[in-house]
Amino acid sequence: MSDHETATPLQLTLEDGRRALGVHVLEKGHKLREKYGKFIDHETVLKILNDPEFVRYPTRLVFDSSKLETGMFAAVEKTGADPDEGYVIFVHEYFKGHDGDLPAVVFYHLVTVNYGDFATFNEAEEFGSAALGMDKEYYYQYLCRLADQML
C-alpha cells in the first residue's frame, strides 16, 4: 500500500460479535473439560469458580431459592455496582447434594458472570454443553428435566 492509500476501516457488526463470542465460549468450555475432566462434583465446581481462566470475577455459590423466580433452578446477582465486586450464583436448594447435576446448573450461568448482558441463552448452552461434553440440544433438554424435577 502506498503512502497515499488508506486502509478501509474494518466494519464489524453486532452479529460478528455474537459469532466471535459463540466460538470463544465453545473454546472455553472445551478447555474447562480438558482441565477438570469428565466428572465434576460440588468441590470441583467451587475450584472452577475460583479459577480466573474460566471465571472473570469473584463468584460465590449459594443455595437459596428465595432469590429465584418460580421454576428457576439458578440465577446470577452482582454483589455491587462494579463487576469486580463479584457475583453470587443462587442455586435452588434442590441441587444441594446433587453433585452430578450441579455443574450443568452452574455452568449455564457462568456466561452471565463473564460476559454480562451480551451473553444469551445460546452462549450459556454452548458453554455448558462443551464443558460437560454434551450435544447442545441434549444439554438443553437436560436442563429442562432438571427444572421439572424441582416442581
C-alpha atoms as a PDB file:
ATOM      1  CA  MET A   1       0.000   0.000   0.000  1.00  0.00           C
ATOM      2  CA  SER A   2       1.439   3.406  -0.923  1.00  0.00           C
ATOM      3  CA  ASP A   3       1.608   6.423   1.369  1.00  0.00           C
ATOM      4  CA  HIS A   4      -1.369   7.946  -0.441  1.00  0.00           C
ATOM      5  CA  GLU A   5      -3.698   4.985   0.051  1.00  0.00           C
ATOM      6  CA  THR A   6      -5.613   4.499   3.267  1.00  0.00           C
ATOM      7  CA  ALA A   7      -6.906   1.240   4.590  1.00  0.00           C
ATOM      8  CA  THR A   8     -10.645   0.867   4.820  1.00  0.00           C
ATOM      9  CA  PRO A   9     -11.580   0.508   8.483  1.00  0.00           C
ATOM     10  CA  LEU A  10     -12.967  -2.870   9.437  1.00  0.00           C
ATOM     11  CA  GLN A  11     -16.722  -2.640   9.981  1.00  0.00           C
ATOM     12  CA  LEU A  12     -17.854  -5.253  12.480  1.00  0.00           C
ATOM     13  CA  THR A  13     -21.492  -5.829  13.269  1.00  0.00           C
ATOM     14  CA  LEU A  14     -23.256  -6.998  16.412  1.00  0.00           C
ATOM     15  CA  GLU A  15     -23.739 -10.334  14.663  1.00  0.00           C
ATOM     16  CA  ASP A  16     -19.964 -10.581  14.118  1.00  0.00           C
ATOM     17  CA  GLY A  17     -19.526 -10.041  17.858  1.00  0.00           C
ATOM     18  CA  ARG A  18     -22.105 -12.725  18.653  1.00  0.00           C
ATOM     19  CA  ARG A  19     -20.370 -15.230  16.387  1.00  0.00           C
ATOM     20  CA  ALA A  20     -16.995 -14.441  17.944  1.00  0.00           C
ATOM     21  CA  LEU A  21     -18.428 -14.842  21.449  1.00  0.00           C
ATOM     22  CA  GLY A  22     -20.014 -18.140  20.424  1.00  0.00           C
ATOM     23  CA  VAL A  23     -16.666 -19.501  19.253  1.00  0.00           C
ATOM     24  CA  HIS A  24     -14.962 -18.160  22.371  1.00  0.00           C
ATOM     25  CA  VAL A  25     -17.403 -19.783  24.829  1.00  0.00           C
ATOM     26  CA  LEU A  26     -17.144 -23.100  22.990  1.00  0.00           C
ATOM     27  CA  GLU A  27     -13.357 -22.972  23.262  1.00  0.00           C
ATOM     28  CA  LYS A  28     -13.569 -22.074  26.968  1.00  0.00           C
ATOM     29  CA  GLY A  29     -15.997 -24.922  27.585  1.00  0.00           C
ATOM     30  CA  HIS A  30     -13.705 -27.432  25.884  1.00  0.00           C
ATOM     31  CA  LYS A  31     -10.685 -26.103  27.817  1.00  0.00           C
ATOM     32  CA  LEU A  32     -12.587 -26.408  31.099  1.00  0.00           C
ATOM     33  CA  ARG A  33     -13.399 -30.026  30.300  1.00  0.00           C
ATOM     34  CA  GLU A  34      -9.750 -30.702  29.422  1.00  0.00           C
ATOM     35  CA  LYS A  35      -8.523 -29.165  32.667  1.00  0.00           C
ATOM     36  CA  TYR A  36     -11.112 -30.521  35.111  1.00  0.00           C
ATOM     37  CA  GLY A  37     -12.144 -33.766  33.468  1.00  0.00           C
ATOM     38  CA  LYS A  38     -15.422 -35.537  32.831  1.00  0.00           C
ATOM     39  CA  PHE A  39     -16.624 -35.944  36.410  1.00  0.00           C
ATOM     40  CA  ILE A  40     -17.165 -32.581  38.051  1.00  0.00           C
ATOM     41  CA  ASP A  41     -18.635 -32.578  41.563  1.00  0.00           C
ATOM     42  CA  HIS A  42     -19.521 -29.803  44.025  1.00  0.00           C
ATOM     43  CA  GLU A  43     -15.930 -29.434  45.236  1.00  0.00           C
ATOM     44  CA  THR A  44     -14.675 -29.134  41.660  1.00  0.00           C
ATOM     45  CA  VAL A  45     -17.353 -26.550  40.838  1.00  0.00           C
ATOM     46  CA  LEU A  46     -16.028 -24.446  43.734  1.00  0.00           C
ATOM     47  CA  LYS A  47     -12.470 -24.772  42.359  1.00  0.00           C
ATOM     48  CA  ILE A  48     -13.690 -23.681  38.922  1.00  0.00           C
ATOM     49  CA  LEU A  49     -15.436 -20.635  40.423  1.00  0.00           C
ATOM     50  CA  ASN A  50     -12.034 -19.595  41.797  1.00  0.00           C
ATOM     51  CA  ASP A  51     -10.159 -20.237  38.544  1.00  0.00           C
ATOM     52  CA  PRO A  52      -9.551 -16.936  36.689  1.00  0.00           C
ATOM     53  CA  GLU A  53      -9.033 -18.865  33.453  1.00  0.00           C
ATOM     54  CA  PHE A  54     -12.787 -19.612  33.449  1.00  0.00           C
ATOM     55  CA  VAL A  55     -14.401 -17.065  35.776  1.00  0.00           C
ATOM     56  CA  ARG A  56     -13.517 -13.385  35.269  1.00  0.00           C
ATOM     57  CA  TYR A  57     -14.902 -12.026  38.536  1.00  0.00           C
ATOM     58  CA  PRO A  58     -15.097 -13.253  42.135  1.00  0.00           C
ATOM     59  CA  THR A  59     -18.077 -15.597  42.272  1.00  0.00           C
ATOM     60  CA  ARG A  60     -19.734 -17.456  45.124  1.00  0.00           C
ATOM     61  CA  LEU A  61     -22.241 -20.287  45.035  1.00  0.00           C
ATOM     62  CA  VAL A  62     -25.186 -20.036  47.438  1.00  0.00           C
ATOM     63  CA  PHE A  63     -28.077 -22.483  47.773  1.00  0.00           C
ATOM     64  CA  ASP A  64     -31.030 -20.124  48.283  1.00  0.00           C
ATOM     65  CA  SER A  65     -34.232 -20.439  46.269  1.00  0.00           C
ATOM     66  CA  SER A  66     -35.745 -17.314  47.877  1.00  0.00           C
ATOM     67  CA  LYS A  67     -33.739 -15.321  45.309  1.00  0.00           C
ATOM     68  CA  LEU A  68     -35.266 -17.280  42.405  1.00  0.00           C
ATOM     69  CA  GLU A  69     -38.478 -16.891  40.491  1.00  0.00           C
ATOM     70  CA  THR A  70     -40.774 -19.912  40.428  1.00  0.00           C
ATOM     71  CA  GLY A  71     -39.451 -22.596  38.089  1.00  0.00           C
ATOM     72  CA  MET A  72     -35.891 -21.229  38.014  1.00  0.00           C
ATOM     73  CA  PHE A  73     -33.045 -23.518  39.042  1.00  0.00           C
ATOM     74  CA  ALA A  74     -30.486 -20.720  39.482  1.00  0.00           C
ATOM     75  CA  ALA A  75     -29.812 -17.032  38.906  1.00  0.00           C
ATOM     76  CA  VAL A  76     -26.853 -14.659  38.993  1.00  0.00           C
ATOM     77  CA  GLU A  77     -26.715 -11.469  41.001  1.00  0.00           C
ATOM     78  CA  LYS A  78     -23.987  -8.822  41.155  1.00  0.00           C
ATOM     79  CA  THR A  79     -22.830  -8.050  44.683  1.00  0.00           C
ATOM     80  CA  GLY A  80     -22.131  -4.384  43.819  1.00  0.00           C
ATOM     81  CA  ALA A  81     -22.194  -1.816  41.037  1.00  0.00           C
ATOM     82  CA  ASP A  82     -18.800  -2.873  39.678  1.00  0.00           C
ATOM     83  CA  PRO A  83     -18.325  -6.426  38.334  1.00  0.00           C
ATOM     84  CA  ASP A  84     -15.002  -6.597  40.216  1.00  0.00           C
ATOM     85  CA  GLU A  85     -17.035  -6.605  43.439  1.00  0.00           C
ATOM     86  CA  GLY A  86     -18.204 -10.053  42.426  1.00  0.00           C
ATOM     87  CA  TYR A  87     -21.249 -12.173  41.794  1.00  0.00           C
ATOM     88  CA  VAL A  88     -23.349 -14.753  43.548  1.00  0.00           C
ATOM     89  CA  ILE A  89     -24.883 -17.673  41.711  1.00  0.00           C
ATOM     90  CA  PHE A  90     -28.006 -18.548  43.672  1.00  0.00           C
ATOM     91  CA  VAL A  91     -28.951 -22.177  43.155  1.00  0.00           C
ATOM     92  CA  HIS A  92     -32.193 -23.839  44.224  1.00  0.00           C
ATOM     93  CA  GLU A  93     -31.734 -25.932  47.382  1.00  0.00           C
ATOM     94  CA  TYR A  94     -32.986 -28.953  45.457  1.00  0.00           C
ATOM     95  CA  PHE A  95     -29.497 -29.230  43.928  1.00  0.00           C
ATOM     96  CA  LYS A  96     -27.641 -29.317  47.235  1.00  0.00           C
ATOM     97  CA  GLY A  97     -26.264 -32.843  47.381  1.00  0.00           C
ATOM     98  CA  HIS A  98     -26.982 -33.460  43.684  1.00  0.00           C
ATOM     99  CA  ASP A  99     -23.322 -33.261  42.688  1.00  0.00           C
ATOM    100  CA  GLY A 100     -23.928 -34.816  39.283  1.00  0.00           C
ATOM    101  CA  ASP A 101     -26.454 -32.149  38.291  1.00  0.00           C
ATOM    102  CA  LEU A 102     -24.860 -29.100  39.907  1.00  0.00           C
ATOM    103  CA  PRO A 103     -22.271 -28.397  37.167  1.00  0.00           C
ATOM    104  CA  ALA A 104     -24.954 -28.178  34.466  1.00  0.00           C
ATOM    105  CA  VAL A 105     -26.891 -25.628  36.503  1.00  0.00           C
ATOM    106  CA  VAL A 106     -23.845 -23.515  37.425  1.00  0.00           C
ATOM    107  CA  PHE A 107     -22.157 -23.599  34.012  1.00  0.00           C
ATOM    108  CA  TYR A 108     -25.307 -22.250  32.377  1.00  0.00           C
ATOM    109  CA  HIS A 109     -24.894 -19.080  34.449  1.00  0.00           C
ATOM    110  CA  LEU A 110     -21.136 -18.585  34.136  1.00  0.00           C
ATOM    111  CA  VAL A 111     -21.514 -16.765  30.821  1.00  0.00           C
ATOM    112  CA  THR A 112     -23.567 -14.087  32.597  1.00  0.00           C
ATOM    113  CA  VAL A 113     -20.763 -13.648  35.129  1.00  0.00           C
ATOM    114  CA  ASN A 114     -18.127 -13.486  32.406  1.00  0.00           C
ATOM    115  CA  TYR A 115     -19.893 -11.548  29.652  1.00  0.00           C
ATOM    116  CA  GLY A 116     -22.841  -9.789  31.271  1.00  0.00           C
ATOM    117  CA  ASP A 117     -25.973  -8.974  29.355  1.00  0.00           C
ATOM    118  CA  PHE A 118     -24.274  -9.522  25.990  1.00  0.00           C
ATOM    119  CA  ALA A 119     -24.402 -13.272  26.624  1.00  0.00           C
ATOM    120  CA  THR A 120     -27.675 -15.011  25.856  1.00  0.00           C
ATOM    121  CA  PHE A 121     -29.170 -18.443  26.458  1.00  0.00           C
ATOM    122  CA  ASN A 122     -27.390 -19.541  23.282  1.00  0.00           C
ATOM    123  CA  GLU A 123     -23.919 -18.831  24.684  1.00  0.00           C
ATOM    124  CA  ALA A 124     -24.949 -20.363  28.013  1.00  0.00           C
ATOM    125  CA  GLU A 125     -25.976 -23.573  26.254  1.00  0.00           C
ATOM    126  CA  GLU A 126     -22.836 -23.559  24.083  1.00  0.00           C
ATOM    127  CA  PHE A 127     -20.533 -23.187  27.084  1.00  0.00           C
ATOM    128  CA  GLY A 128     -22.356 -25.634  29.353  1.00  0.00           C
ATOM    129  CA  SER A 129     -22.647 -28.319  26.722  1.00  0.00           C
ATOM    130  CA  ALA A 130     -18.979 -28.017  25.740  1.00  0.00           C
ATOM    131  CA  ALA A 131     -17.800 -28.056  29.360  1.00  0.00           C
ATOM    132  CA  LEU A 132     -19.833 -31.198  30.038  1.00  0.00           C
ATOM    133  CA  GLY A 133     -19.109 -32.902  26.712  1.00  0.00           C
ATOM    134  CA  MET A 134     -22.760 -32.963  25.686  1.00  0.00           C
ATOM    135  CA  ASP A 135     -24.593 -32.156  22.498  1.00  0.00           C
ATOM    136  CA  LYS A 136     -26.127 -28.677  22.845  1.00  0.00           C
ATOM    137  CA  GLU A 137     -29.699 -29.921  22.349  1.00  0.00           C
ATOM    138  CA  TYR A 138     -29.147 -32.727  24.867  1.00  0.00           C
ATOM    139  CA  TYR A 139     -27.803 -30.194  27.390  1.00  0.00           C
ATOM    140  CA  TYR A 140     -30.878 -28.001  26.867  1.00  0.00           C
ATOM    141  CA  GLN A 141     -33.218 -30.970  27.394  1.00  0.00           C
ATOM    142  CA  TYR A 142     -31.209 -31.989  30.464  1.00  0.00           C
ATOM    143  CA  LEU A 143     -31.675 -28.514  31.978  1.00  0.00           C
ATOM    144  CA  CYS A 144     -35.405 -28.687  31.227  1.00  0.00           C
ATOM    145  CA  ARG A 145     -35.647 -32.051  33.018  1.00  0.00           C
ATOM    146  CA  LEU A 146     -33.755 -30.618  35.993  1.00  0.00           C
ATOM    147  CA  ALA A 147     -36.111 -27.653  36.190  1.00  0.00           C
ATOM    148  CA  ASP A 148     -39.109 -30.005  36.018  1.00  0.00           C
ATOM    149  CA  GLN A 149     -37.710 -32.161  38.853  1.00  0.00           C
ATOM    150  CA  MET A 150     -37.801 -29.206  41.242  1.00  0.00           C
ATOM    151  CA  LEU A 151     -41.579 -28.827  40.906  1.00  0.00           C
END
